[in-house]
Amino acid sequence: MRKFIVNVNGNRYEIEVEEVSAEEAKKAAPARPAANAPAPAPAPVPAAPVVSAPPAGGVKVEAPMPGNILDVKVKVGDRVKEGDIIVILEAMKMENEILAPCGGTIADVRVQKGSSVDSGALIAVIS
């Protein structure tokens, strides 16, 4: 057995891992989490894809999936850097941060808190 300390979303967990041969690993059944073990952290959601620039010469930020807008973190005229949070999108009971794909100035915001969006819906334009 080997002990490891794993950091998940700021929480430290001590785990023990048993080394097995490749043959034993093939035979092993999938492990089941302990009843009191915390749920695994959700996989990170990539930023909204960058698509063709709108006529004004800006970069469109589109919803990567359908969901509800929980919060809008920017307004028209705000300066953003690549990776800044633009909106929080709830999809399948998970909060997803939609990030700025590039730096610039917010030229347009097409969503508001509480609105629903479809996959590919325009969220904002960065110029």
N, C-alpha and C. Protein backbone atom coordinates (compact mmCIF):
# COMPACT_ATOMS: atom_id res chain seq x y z
N MET A 1 0.85 -1.18 0.00
CA MET A 1 0.00 0.00 0.00
C MET A 1 0.89 1.24 0.00
N ARG A 2 0.48 2.22 -0.81
CA ARG A 2 1.18 3.50 -0.84
C ARG A 2 0.18 4.57 -0.46
N LYS A 3 0.62 5.54 0.34
CA LYS A 3 -0.26 6.63 0.76
C LYS A 3 0.03 7.86 -0.08
N PHE A 4 -1.05 8.56 -0.41
CA PHE A 4 -0.96 9.81 -1.16
C PHE A 4 -1.89 10.82 -0.53
N ILE A 5 -1.56 12.10 -0.68
CA ILE A 5 -2.46 13.18 -0.28
C ILE A 5 -2.91 13.85 -1.56
N VAL A 6 -4.23 13.93 -1.74
CA VAL A 6 -4.82 14.49 -2.95
C VAL A 6 -5.59 15.75 -2.56
N ASN A 7 -5.41 16.81 -3.35
CA ASN A 7 -6.12 18.07 -3.12
C ASN A 7 -7.20 18.19 -4.18
N VAL A 8 -8.48 18.23 -3.76
CA VAL A 8 -9.61 18.35 -4.67
C VAL A 8 -10.41 19.58 -4.28
N ASN A 9 -10.41 20.58 -5.15
CA ASN A 9 -11.15 21.83 -4.90
C ASN A 9 -10.84 22.41 -3.53
N GLY A 10 -9.57 22.39 -3.15
CA GLY A 10 -9.15 22.97 -1.88
C GLY A 10 -9.30 22.05 -0.69
N ASN A 11 -9.86 20.87 -0.87
CA ASN A 11 -10.01 19.90 0.22
C ASN A 11 -8.92 18.84 0.09
N ARG A 12 -8.21 18.58 1.19
CA ARG A 12 -7.14 17.59 1.19
C ARG A 12 -7.69 16.24 1.65
N TYR A 13 -7.34 15.19 0.91
CA TYR A 13 -7.76 13.84 1.24
C TYR A 13 -6.52 12.94 1.25
N GLU A 14 -6.44 12.08 2.26
CA GLU A 14 -5.37 11.10 2.30
C GLU A 14 -5.94 9.80 1.76
N ILE A 15 -5.26 9.25 0.77
CA ILE A 15 -5.75 8.01 0.17
C ILE A 15 -4.64 6.96 0.20
N GLU A 16 -5.03 5.71 0.18
CA GLU A 16 -4.09 4.60 0.09
C GLU A 16 -4.36 3.87 -1.21
N VAL A 17 -3.29 3.55 -1.92
CA VAL A 17 -3.41 2.88 -3.20
C VAL A 17 -2.62 1.58 -3.14
N GLU A 18 -3.26 0.51 -3.56
CA GLU A 18 -2.60 -0.79 -3.56
C GLU A 18 -2.05 -1.05 -4.96
N GLU A 19 -0.80 -1.43 -5.02
CA GLU A 19 -0.18 -1.77 -6.29
C GLU A 19 -0.52 -3.21 -6.64
N VAL A 20 -0.95 -3.42 -7.89
CA VAL A 20 -1.29 -4.76 -8.35
C VAL A 20 -0.63 -4.99 -9.71
N SER A 21 -0.52 -6.24 -10.09
CA SER A 21 0.05 -6.56 -11.40
C SER A 21 -0.98 -6.25 -12.48
N ALA A 22 -0.54 -6.17 -13.72
CA ALA A 22 -1.44 -5.89 -14.84
C ALA A 22 -2.51 -6.97 -14.95
N GLU A 23 -2.14 -8.19 -14.68
CA GLU A 23 -3.10 -9.31 -14.76
C GLU A 23 -4.18 -9.16 -13.69
N GLU A 24 -3.78 -8.79 -12.47
CA GLU A 24 -4.75 -8.59 -11.39
C GLU A 24 -5.67 -7.42 -11.70
N ALA A 25 -5.12 -6.37 -12.31
CA ALA A 25 -5.92 -5.19 -12.63
C ALA A 25 -7.02 -5.52 -13.62
N LYS A 26 -6.74 -6.41 -14.59
CA LYS A 26 -7.75 -6.80 -15.57
C LYS A 26 -8.90 -7.57 -14.92
N LYS A 27 -8.57 -8.35 -13.89
CA LYS A 27 -9.58 -9.17 -13.22
C LYS A 27 -10.40 -8.39 -12.19
N ALA A 28 -9.85 -7.29 -11.69
CA ALA A 28 -10.49 -6.54 -10.60
C ALA A 28 -11.81 -5.93 -11.06
N ALA A 29 -12.77 -5.98 -10.18
CA ALA A 29 -14.06 -5.34 -10.43
C ALA A 29 -13.93 -3.85 -10.16
N PRO A 30 -14.78 -3.01 -10.77
CA PRO A 30 -14.71 -1.57 -10.49
C PRO A 30 -14.92 -1.29 -9.01
N ALA A 31 -14.10 -0.40 -8.47
CA ALA A 31 -14.19 -0.06 -7.05
C ALA A 31 -15.44 0.78 -6.80
N ARG A 32 -16.04 0.57 -5.64
CA ARG A 32 -17.20 1.36 -5.25
C ARG A 32 -16.77 2.30 -4.15
N PRO A 33 -17.20 3.59 -4.20
CA PRO A 33 -16.81 4.52 -3.15
C PRO A 33 -17.45 4.14 -1.82
N ALA A 34 -16.75 4.45 -0.75
CA ALA A 34 -17.27 4.21 0.59
C ALA A 34 -18.52 5.05 0.79
N ALA A 35 -19.40 4.59 1.67
CA ALA A 35 -20.67 5.29 1.90
C ALA A 35 -20.47 6.72 2.38
N ASN A 36 -19.42 6.98 3.14
CA ASN A 36 -19.21 8.33 3.67
C ASN A 36 -18.17 9.11 2.87
N ALA A 37 -17.71 8.58 1.74
CA ALA A 37 -16.71 9.28 0.92
C ALA A 37 -17.36 10.44 0.18
N PRO A 38 -16.66 11.55 0.06
CA PRO A 38 -17.22 12.69 -0.67
C PRO A 38 -17.32 12.36 -2.15
N ALA A 39 -18.27 13.01 -2.82
CA ALA A 39 -18.45 12.80 -4.25
C ALA A 39 -17.23 13.34 -5.00
N PRO A 40 -16.89 12.71 -6.11
CA PRO A 40 -15.75 13.21 -6.88
C PRO A 40 -16.05 14.58 -7.47
N ALA A 41 -15.01 15.35 -7.68
CA ALA A 41 -15.17 16.70 -8.24
C ALA A 41 -15.61 16.59 -9.69
N PRO A 42 -16.49 17.50 -10.13
CA PRO A 42 -16.92 17.46 -11.52
C PRO A 42 -15.77 17.83 -12.45
N ALA A 43 -15.80 17.29 -13.65
CA ALA A 43 -14.76 17.62 -14.62
C ALA A 43 -14.92 19.07 -15.04
N PRO A 44 -13.81 19.78 -15.25
CA PRO A 44 -13.92 21.18 -15.66
C PRO A 44 -14.56 21.30 -17.03
N VAL A 45 -15.35 22.33 -17.22
CA VAL A 45 -16.02 22.56 -18.48
C VAL A 45 -15.19 23.58 -19.26
N PRO A 46 -14.89 23.29 -20.51
CA PRO A 46 -14.08 24.23 -21.29
C PRO A 46 -14.84 25.53 -21.53
N ALA A 47 -14.08 26.57 -21.82
CA ALA A 47 -14.68 27.88 -22.11
C ALA A 47 -15.53 27.78 -23.38
N ALA A 48 -16.43 28.73 -23.53
CA ALA A 48 -17.27 28.76 -24.72
C ALA A 48 -16.39 28.84 -25.96
N PRO A 49 -16.77 28.13 -27.01
CA PRO A 49 -15.95 28.15 -28.21
C PRO A 49 -15.97 29.50 -28.89
N VAL A 50 -14.87 29.85 -29.51
CA VAL A 50 -14.78 31.10 -30.26
C VAL A 50 -15.22 30.77 -31.69
N VAL A 51 -16.14 31.56 -32.19
CA VAL A 51 -16.60 31.34 -33.55
C VAL A 51 -16.29 32.58 -34.37
N SER A 52 -16.72 32.58 -35.61
CA SER A 52 -16.38 33.70 -36.49
C SER A 52 -16.77 35.05 -35.88
N ALA A 53 -15.97 36.04 -36.19
CA ALA A 53 -16.17 37.38 -35.63
C ALA A 53 -17.42 38.02 -36.20
N PRO A 54 -18.18 38.74 -35.36
CA PRO A 54 -19.35 39.44 -35.87
C PRO A 54 -18.92 40.62 -36.75
N PRO A 55 -19.81 41.24 -37.50
CA PRO A 55 -19.46 42.32 -38.40
C PRO A 55 -18.68 43.46 -37.72
N ALA A 56 -18.91 43.71 -36.44
CA ALA A 56 -18.24 44.80 -35.75
C ALA A 56 -16.77 44.49 -35.49
N GLY A 57 -16.31 43.29 -35.85
CA GLY A 57 -14.90 42.95 -35.68
C GLY A 57 -14.60 42.35 -34.32
N GLY A 58 -15.63 41.99 -33.56
CA GLY A 58 -15.42 41.40 -32.24
C GLY A 58 -15.41 39.89 -32.29
N VAL A 59 -15.21 39.27 -31.11
CA VAL A 59 -15.21 37.82 -30.97
C VAL A 59 -16.49 37.42 -30.25
N LYS A 60 -17.22 36.48 -30.84
CA LYS A 60 -18.46 36.01 -30.22
C LYS A 60 -18.13 35.00 -29.12
N VAL A 61 -18.85 35.08 -28.03
CA VAL A 61 -18.78 34.06 -26.98
C VAL A 61 -20.15 33.41 -26.96
N GLU A 62 -20.17 32.09 -27.22
CA GLU A 62 -21.43 31.37 -27.32
C GLU A 62 -21.56 30.34 -26.23
N ALA A 63 -22.80 30.00 -25.91
CA ALA A 63 -23.08 28.98 -24.89
C ALA A 63 -22.63 27.62 -25.41
N PRO A 64 -21.80 26.90 -24.62
CA PRO A 64 -21.34 25.58 -25.06
C PRO A 64 -22.40 24.49 -24.89
N MET A 65 -23.47 24.81 -24.14
CA MET A 65 -24.52 23.84 -23.87
C MET A 65 -25.78 24.60 -23.46
N PRO A 66 -26.95 23.99 -23.55
CA PRO A 66 -28.16 24.66 -23.09
C PRO A 66 -28.18 24.75 -21.56
N GLY A 67 -28.79 25.81 -21.05
CA GLY A 67 -28.89 25.96 -19.59
C GLY A 67 -29.50 27.28 -19.21
N ASN A 68 -29.37 27.62 -17.92
CA ASN A 68 -29.89 28.86 -17.38
C ASN A 68 -28.74 29.74 -16.91
N ILE A 69 -28.85 31.03 -17.14
CA ILE A 69 -27.83 31.98 -16.71
C ILE A 69 -28.06 32.29 -15.23
N LEU A 70 -27.11 31.90 -14.38
CA LEU A 70 -27.21 32.17 -12.94
C LEU A 70 -26.69 33.55 -12.58
N ASP A 71 -25.66 34.01 -13.31
CA ASP A 71 -25.06 35.30 -12.99
C ASP A 71 -24.32 35.83 -14.21
N VAL A 72 -24.38 37.13 -14.41
CA VAL A 72 -23.62 37.80 -15.47
C VAL A 72 -22.56 38.63 -14.76
N LYS A 73 -21.29 38.33 -15.02
CA LYS A 73 -20.18 38.96 -14.31
C LYS A 73 -19.64 40.21 -15.00
N VAL A 74 -20.12 40.52 -16.22
CA VAL A 74 -19.60 41.67 -16.97
C VAL A 74 -20.75 42.53 -17.47
N LYS A 75 -20.40 43.73 -17.89
CA LYS A 75 -21.38 44.62 -18.54
C LYS A 75 -20.67 45.30 -19.71
N VAL A 76 -21.44 45.89 -20.59
CA VAL A 76 -20.87 46.55 -21.76
C VAL A 76 -19.87 47.61 -21.31
N GLY A 77 -18.70 47.59 -21.94
CA GLY A 77 -17.65 48.55 -21.61
C GLY A 77 -16.59 48.01 -20.66
N ASP A 78 -16.87 46.88 -20.00
CA ASP A 78 -15.87 46.29 -19.09
C ASP A 78 -14.69 45.75 -19.89
N ARG A 79 -13.48 45.90 -19.32
CA ARG A 79 -12.28 45.30 -19.91
C ARG A 79 -12.11 43.91 -19.31
N VAL A 80 -11.83 42.93 -20.15
CA VAL A 80 -11.61 41.56 -19.68
C VAL A 80 -10.28 41.05 -20.23
N LYS A 81 -9.71 40.10 -19.49
CA LYS A 81 -8.51 39.40 -19.94
C LYS A 81 -8.93 38.00 -20.34
N GLU A 82 -8.12 37.34 -21.14
CA GLU A 82 -8.40 35.96 -21.51
C GLU A 82 -8.52 35.12 -20.24
N GLY A 83 -9.60 34.36 -20.12
CA GLY A 83 -9.83 33.51 -18.95
C GLY A 83 -10.70 34.13 -17.88
N ASP A 84 -11.03 35.43 -18.00
CA ASP A 84 -11.94 36.05 -17.03
C ASP A 84 -13.33 35.44 -17.18
N ILE A 85 -14.06 35.37 -16.07
CA ILE A 85 -15.42 34.82 -16.09
C ILE A 85 -16.38 35.84 -16.68
N ILE A 86 -17.16 35.40 -17.66
CA ILE A 86 -18.16 36.28 -18.28
C ILE A 86 -19.53 36.02 -17.66
N VAL A 87 -19.94 34.75 -17.63
CA VAL A 87 -21.22 34.37 -17.01
C VAL A 87 -21.08 33.03 -16.31
N ILE A 88 -22.03 32.76 -15.41
CA ILE A 88 -22.15 31.45 -14.79
C ILE A 88 -23.39 30.82 -15.40
N LEU A 89 -23.19 29.65 -16.02
CA LEU A 89 -24.26 28.94 -16.72
C LEU A 89 -24.56 27.65 -15.97
N GLU A 90 -25.82 27.46 -15.57
CA GLU A 90 -26.22 26.21 -14.92
C GLU A 90 -26.74 25.26 -15.99
N ALA A 91 -26.13 24.08 -16.02
CA ALA A 91 -26.57 23.04 -16.95
C ALA A 91 -26.49 21.71 -16.21
N MET A 92 -27.55 20.95 -16.25
CA MET A 92 -27.62 19.64 -15.59
C MET A 92 -27.24 19.75 -14.10
N LYS A 93 -27.75 20.76 -13.45
CA LYS A 93 -27.56 21.01 -12.01
C LYS A 93 -26.10 21.29 -11.64
N MET A 94 -25.29 21.70 -12.61
CA MET A 94 -23.90 22.07 -12.35
C MET A 94 -23.67 23.50 -12.81
N GLU A 95 -22.88 24.23 -12.03
CA GLU A 95 -22.53 25.60 -12.40
C GLU A 95 -21.27 25.58 -13.25
N ASN A 96 -21.35 26.19 -14.43
CA ASN A 96 -20.24 26.22 -15.37
C ASN A 96 -19.81 27.67 -15.60
N GLU A 97 -18.54 27.95 -15.44
CA GLU A 97 -18.01 29.28 -15.70
C GLU A 97 -17.71 29.40 -17.18
N ILE A 98 -18.32 30.38 -17.84
CA ILE A 98 -18.03 30.65 -19.24
C ILE A 98 -16.98 31.75 -19.25
N LEU A 99 -15.82 31.44 -19.83
CA LEU A 99 -14.66 32.31 -19.75
C LEU A 99 -14.44 33.09 -21.04
N ALA A 100 -13.78 34.25 -20.91
CA ALA A 100 -13.42 35.06 -22.07
C ALA A 100 -12.35 34.32 -22.86
N PRO A 101 -12.58 34.10 -24.16
CA PRO A 101 -11.59 33.40 -24.97
C PRO A 101 -10.40 34.28 -25.34
N CYS A 102 -10.55 35.60 -25.14
CA CYS A 102 -9.47 36.53 -25.46
C CYS A 102 -9.66 37.79 -24.61
N GLY A 103 -8.66 38.63 -24.59
CA GLY A 103 -8.77 39.90 -23.88
C GLY A 103 -9.43 40.94 -24.77
N GLY A 104 -9.99 41.96 -24.14
CA GLY A 104 -10.61 43.05 -24.90
C GLY A 104 -11.65 43.76 -24.07
N THR A 105 -12.56 44.44 -24.76
CA THR A 105 -13.64 45.19 -24.13
C THR A 105 -14.97 44.53 -24.48
N ILE A 106 -15.84 44.40 -23.50
CA ILE A 106 -17.16 43.82 -23.75
C ILE A 106 -17.96 44.81 -24.59
N ALA A 107 -18.28 44.40 -25.83
CA ALA A 107 -19.02 45.27 -26.74
C ALA A 107 -20.52 45.04 -26.65
N ASP A 108 -20.91 43.82 -26.26
CA ASP A 108 -22.34 43.50 -26.20
C ASP A 108 -22.55 42.34 -25.25
N VAL A 109 -23.63 42.40 -24.46
CA VAL A 109 -24.02 41.28 -23.60
C VAL A 109 -25.45 40.94 -23.99
N ARG A 110 -25.67 39.70 -24.42
CA ARG A 110 -26.97 39.29 -24.95
C ARG A 110 -27.80 38.49 -23.96
N VAL A 111 -27.32 38.23 -22.76
CA VAL A 111 -28.07 37.45 -21.79
C VAL A 111 -28.22 38.25 -20.51
N GLN A 112 -29.14 37.81 -19.69
CA GLN A 112 -29.32 38.42 -18.37
C GLN A 112 -29.56 37.32 -17.36
N LYS A 113 -29.37 37.66 -16.10
CA LYS A 113 -29.55 36.69 -15.02
C LYS A 113 -30.96 36.12 -15.09
N GLY A 114 -31.05 34.79 -15.03
CA GLY A 114 -32.35 34.12 -15.05
C GLY A 114 -32.80 33.68 -16.44
N SER A 115 -32.11 34.13 -17.49
CA SER A 115 -32.54 33.74 -18.83
C SER A 115 -32.06 32.34 -19.17
N SER A 116 -32.75 31.72 -20.12
CA SER A 116 -32.36 30.40 -20.62
C SER A 116 -31.67 30.57 -21.96
N VAL A 117 -30.69 29.70 -22.22
CA VAL A 117 -29.99 29.75 -23.50
C VAL A 117 -29.91 28.34 -24.09
N ASP A 118 -29.86 28.27 -25.40
CA ASP A 118 -29.64 27.03 -26.11
C ASP A 118 -28.16 26.90 -26.42
N SER A 119 -27.75 25.73 -26.76
CA SER A 119 -26.36 25.50 -27.17
C SER A 119 -26.08 26.37 -28.39
N GLY A 120 -24.98 27.10 -28.36
CA GLY A 120 -24.59 27.97 -29.46
C GLY A 120 -25.19 29.36 -29.41
N ALA A 121 -26.02 29.65 -28.39
CA ALA A 121 -26.61 30.98 -28.27
C ALA A 121 -25.53 32.01 -27.97
N LEU A 122 -25.65 33.19 -28.57
CA LEU A 122 -24.69 34.27 -28.35
C LEU A 122 -24.84 34.80 -26.92
N ILE A 123 -23.75 34.80 -26.19
CA ILE A 123 -23.74 35.31 -24.81
C ILE A 123 -23.23 36.74 -24.77
N ALA A 124 -22.09 36.96 -25.42
CA ALA A 124 -21.46 38.27 -25.40
C ALA A 124 -20.55 38.42 -26.61
N VAL A 125 -20.14 39.69 -26.86
CA VAL A 125 -19.18 39.99 -27.91
C VAL A 125 -18.04 40.77 -27.28
N ILE A 126 -16.80 40.34 -27.57
CA ILE A 126 -15.61 41.03 -27.08
C ILE A 126 -14.92 41.68 -28.26
N SER A 127 -14.65 42.98 -28.15
CA SER A 127 -13.95 43.67 -29.24
C SER A 127 -12.57 44.09 -28.80
